[in-house]
Amino acid sequence: MSAKRDLRNIIFVLSAAVLCAVALSAYMIYYYGPTGRYLVSNALIAPDVAHAMDYRDYAAAKGKPVRYVLNGFHFSYYDAAQHRQQRIEVDPAAYSAFYAMISGDKSLEEVSSAIMSRFEDAFVASLTITVRPDDNAAAKVFQTVQLASKGDYFRIQLHQQGGLGDWVYFYHPGIYDNALKIFGISNA
């Protein structure tokens, strides 16, 4: 009889533990997610992490994994005064200031076709983070942030294993003009 009682108690305790875990999981999902939303600080590489970047990724040209390090930050935008696209190198301090400005922003829950169409414009500005193999071969894009021209929307392309992934959309009032100021551009 004692063995049956012990077995029944063990089954009861295990069942109670599973039931509590299921209840806690259901509560967490109901109240805290899944929303599919991102914080910029979780989607965009932080300045201190970018400077210390050292990772391995598959290089198709070499047919094997290669070690990559940060190459730099570049900003491309349409210069209305000169009627052409411009590309400048962004210094690390300016990237840090840009990151600090947007790091607390949350992604949009719903992205309308009107918002998406703002990024089909020829005048979309782009901040590109590039990496290069440690043997100084050609650089490749690690991550891109696009700013809708003269607008308040921006999007970040997520970096995934083996390449770039989906876009995550954000709203930040005056992001385009503020980015131009941070990057030292006055006549765009």
Protein backbone atom coordinates (compact mmCIF):
# COMPACT_ATOMS: atom_id res chain seq x y z
CA MET A 1 0.00 0.00 0.00
CA SER A 2 2.81 2.40 0.77
CA ALA A 3 4.25 2.03 -2.74
CA LYS A 4 0.88 2.84 -4.33
CA ARG A 5 0.49 5.91 -2.13
CA ASP A 6 4.02 7.09 -2.96
CA LEU A 7 3.39 6.62 -6.68
CA ARG A 8 0.09 8.49 -6.42
CA ASN A 9 1.80 11.36 -4.56
CA ILE A 10 4.57 11.56 -7.18
CA ILE A 11 2.02 11.62 -10.02
CA PHE A 12 0.03 14.29 -8.16
CA VAL A 13 3.11 16.48 -7.60
CA LEU A 14 4.25 16.14 -11.24
CA SER A 15 0.74 16.86 -12.52
CA ALA A 16 0.49 19.94 -10.29
CA ALA A 17 3.88 21.18 -11.53
CA VAL A 18 2.86 20.75 -15.20
CA LEU A 19 -0.48 22.45 -14.55
CA CYS A 20 1.24 25.40 -12.84
CA ALA A 21 3.73 25.74 -15.72
CA VAL A 22 0.93 25.73 -18.30
CA ALA A 23 -1.06 28.29 -16.29
CA LEU A 24 1.97 30.56 -15.87
CA SER A 25 2.81 30.30 -19.59
CA ALA A 26 -0.77 31.11 -20.58
CA TYR A 27 -0.77 34.12 -18.25
CA MET A 28 2.54 35.44 -19.66
CA ILE A 29 1.45 35.03 -23.27
CA TYR A 30 -1.93 36.64 -22.62
CA TYR A 31 -0.54 39.72 -20.82
CA TYR A 32 2.94 40.17 -22.30
CA GLY A 33 2.93 38.91 -25.85
CA PRO A 34 3.49 37.70 -28.38
CA THR A 35 3.16 41.11 -30.00
CA GLY A 36 5.86 40.77 -32.62
CA ARG A 37 7.19 44.20 -31.65
CA TYR A 38 10.83 45.18 -31.40
CA LEU A 39 12.76 47.86 -29.59
CA VAL A 40 15.39 49.56 -31.72
CA SER A 41 17.95 48.58 -29.08
CA ASN A 42 17.14 44.92 -29.80
CA ALA A 43 16.99 45.23 -33.59
CA LEU A 44 19.93 47.53 -34.40
CA ILE A 45 23.51 46.80 -33.45
CA ALA A 46 24.64 48.94 -30.53
CA PRO A 47 27.69 51.19 -31.05
CA ASP A 48 29.85 49.44 -28.44
CA VAL A 49 28.98 46.03 -29.88
CA ALA A 50 29.67 47.23 -33.43
CA HIS A 51 33.17 48.42 -32.52
CA ALA A 52 34.00 45.13 -30.84
CA MET A 53 32.37 43.09 -33.63
CA ASP A 54 34.18 39.89 -34.47
CA TYR A 55 32.03 37.08 -35.82
CA ARG A 56 32.13 34.19 -38.24
CA ASP A 57 29.78 33.88 -41.21
CA TYR A 58 29.75 31.74 -44.32
CA ALA A 59 31.44 33.33 -47.34
CA ALA A 60 30.09 31.86 -50.58
CA ALA A 61 33.12 33.02 -52.56
CA LYS A 62 35.48 31.09 -50.29
CA GLY A 63 33.11 28.22 -49.58
CA LYS A 64 33.79 28.31 -45.85
CA PRO A 65 33.15 30.42 -42.74
CA VAL A 66 35.17 33.62 -42.55
CA ARG A 67 35.88 35.95 -39.63
CA TYR A 68 34.33 39.43 -40.08
CA VAL A 69 35.09 42.73 -38.35
CA LEU A 70 33.47 46.17 -38.54
CA ASN A 71 34.31 48.07 -41.72
CA GLY A 72 32.35 51.27 -41.05
CA PHE A 73 29.14 53.27 -41.16
CA HIS A 74 27.95 55.03 -44.33
CA PHE A 75 25.01 57.34 -44.91
CA SER A 76 23.44 57.79 -48.35
CA TYR A 77 20.91 60.52 -49.06
CA TYR A 78 19.55 62.64 -51.89
CA ASP A 79 21.12 66.09 -52.03
CA ALA A 80 18.44 68.35 -53.52
CA ALA A 81 20.90 71.21 -54.06
CA GLN A 82 23.17 69.08 -56.23
CA HIS A 83 20.35 66.93 -57.62
CA ARG A 84 22.15 63.67 -56.91
CA GLN A 85 22.64 60.94 -54.39
CA GLN A 86 25.45 61.53 -51.86
CA ARG A 87 27.31 59.01 -49.71
CA ILE A 88 29.33 59.98 -46.66
CA GLU A 89 31.24 58.06 -44.05
CA VAL A 90 29.73 58.38 -40.57
CA ASP A 91 32.10 58.65 -37.64
CA PRO A 92 31.48 56.41 -34.61
CA ALA A 93 30.43 59.34 -32.38
CA ALA A 94 27.70 60.34 -34.85
CA TYR A 95 26.48 56.75 -35.07
CA SER A 96 26.37 56.61 -31.26
CA ALA A 97 24.31 59.83 -31.16
CA PHE A 98 21.92 58.47 -33.81
CA TYR A 99 21.57 55.19 -31.91
CA ALA A 100 20.93 57.04 -28.63
CA MET A 101 18.20 59.10 -30.30
CA ILE A 102 16.22 56.08 -31.53
CA SER A 103 17.21 53.23 -29.18
CA GLY A 104 14.00 53.41 -27.13
CA ASP A 105 11.61 53.41 -30.09
CA LYS A 106 9.18 50.49 -30.48
CA SER A 107 8.28 48.98 -33.82
CA LEU A 108 4.88 49.56 -35.35
CA GLU A 109 2.26 46.89 -34.72
CA GLU A 110 0.54 47.47 -38.04
CA VAL A 111 2.40 48.56 -41.16
CA SER A 112 0.05 49.91 -43.81
CA SER A 113 0.77 49.89 -47.51
CA ALA A 114 0.97 53.71 -47.33
CA ILE A 115 3.87 53.44 -44.88
CA MET A 116 5.60 50.76 -46.97
CA SER A 117 5.26 52.87 -50.11
CA ARG A 118 7.28 55.66 -48.47
CA PHE A 119 10.32 53.40 -48.76
CA GLU A 120 9.85 52.82 -52.49
CA ASP A 121 10.77 56.44 -53.14
CA ALA A 122 14.06 57.08 -54.94
CA PHE A 123 15.01 59.56 -52.22
CA VAL A 124 15.08 57.17 -49.27
CA ALA A 125 18.12 57.78 -47.08
CA SER A 126 20.12 54.77 -45.84
CA LEU A 127 22.52 54.21 -42.99
CA THR A 128 24.56 51.13 -43.81
CA ILE A 129 26.75 49.18 -41.43
CA THR A 130 29.38 47.21 -43.31
CA VAL A 131 31.75 44.45 -42.28
CA ARG A 132 34.78 43.02 -43.98
CA PRO A 133 36.70 39.78 -43.66
CA ASP A 134 39.72 40.10 -41.41
CA ASP A 135 41.93 39.50 -44.47
CA ASN A 136 40.76 42.93 -45.82
CA ALA A 137 38.75 41.49 -48.72
CA ALA A 138 35.70 43.35 -50.04
CA ALA A 139 33.20 44.64 -47.49
CA LYS A 140 29.59 43.47 -47.27
CA VAL A 141 26.46 44.93 -45.74
CA PHE A 142 25.79 43.79 -42.19
CA GLN A 143 22.70 45.90 -41.48
CA THR A 144 20.75 48.76 -43.06
CA VAL A 145 18.52 51.47 -41.62
CA GLN A 146 16.35 53.32 -44.14
CA LEU A 147 14.73 56.69 -43.45
CA ALA A 148 11.69 57.75 -45.42
CA SER A 149 12.55 61.02 -47.11
CA LYS A 150 11.27 64.10 -45.30
CA GLY A 151 9.33 61.90 -42.94
CA ASP A 152 8.91 60.35 -39.57
CA TYR A 153 9.25 56.68 -40.46
CA PHE A 154 12.28 54.44 -40.61
CA ARG A 155 12.92 50.75 -40.95
CA ILE A 156 15.69 48.39 -39.91
CA GLN A 157 16.69 45.30 -41.81
CA LEU A 158 17.35 42.50 -39.39
CA HIS A 159 20.61 40.60 -39.66
CA GLN A 160 20.16 36.84 -39.73
CA GLN A 161 22.53 33.93 -39.94
CA GLY A 162 23.87 33.86 -43.48
CA GLY A 163 22.59 37.25 -44.57
CA LEU A 164 20.00 39.99 -44.23
CA GLY A 165 16.41 39.35 -43.28
CA ASP A 166 13.07 41.08 -42.90
CA TRP A 167 12.38 44.75 -42.29
CA VAL A 168 11.01 46.12 -39.01
CA TYR A 169 9.20 49.49 -39.21
CA PHE A 170 9.35 52.34 -36.68
CA TYR A 171 7.93 55.82 -36.15
CA HIS A 172 10.07 58.65 -34.78
CA PRO A 173 8.97 62.30 -35.24
CA GLY A 174 11.46 64.21 -37.37
CA ILE A 175 13.83 61.25 -37.80
CA TYR A 176 14.97 62.30 -41.26
CA ASP A 177 15.87 65.88 -40.35
CA ASN A 178 17.40 64.86 -37.02
CA ALA A 179 19.59 62.26 -38.72
CA LEU A 180 20.83 64.85 -41.21
CA LYS A 181 21.81 67.14 -38.34
CA ILE A 182 23.57 64.36 -36.42
CA PHE A 183 25.53 63.35 -39.52
CA GLY A 184 26.52 66.98 -40.20
CA ILE A 185 24.46 67.49 -43.34
CA SER A 186 22.89 70.93 -43.65
CA ASN A 187 21.89 71.42 -47.28
CA ALA A 188 19.83 68.34 -48.17
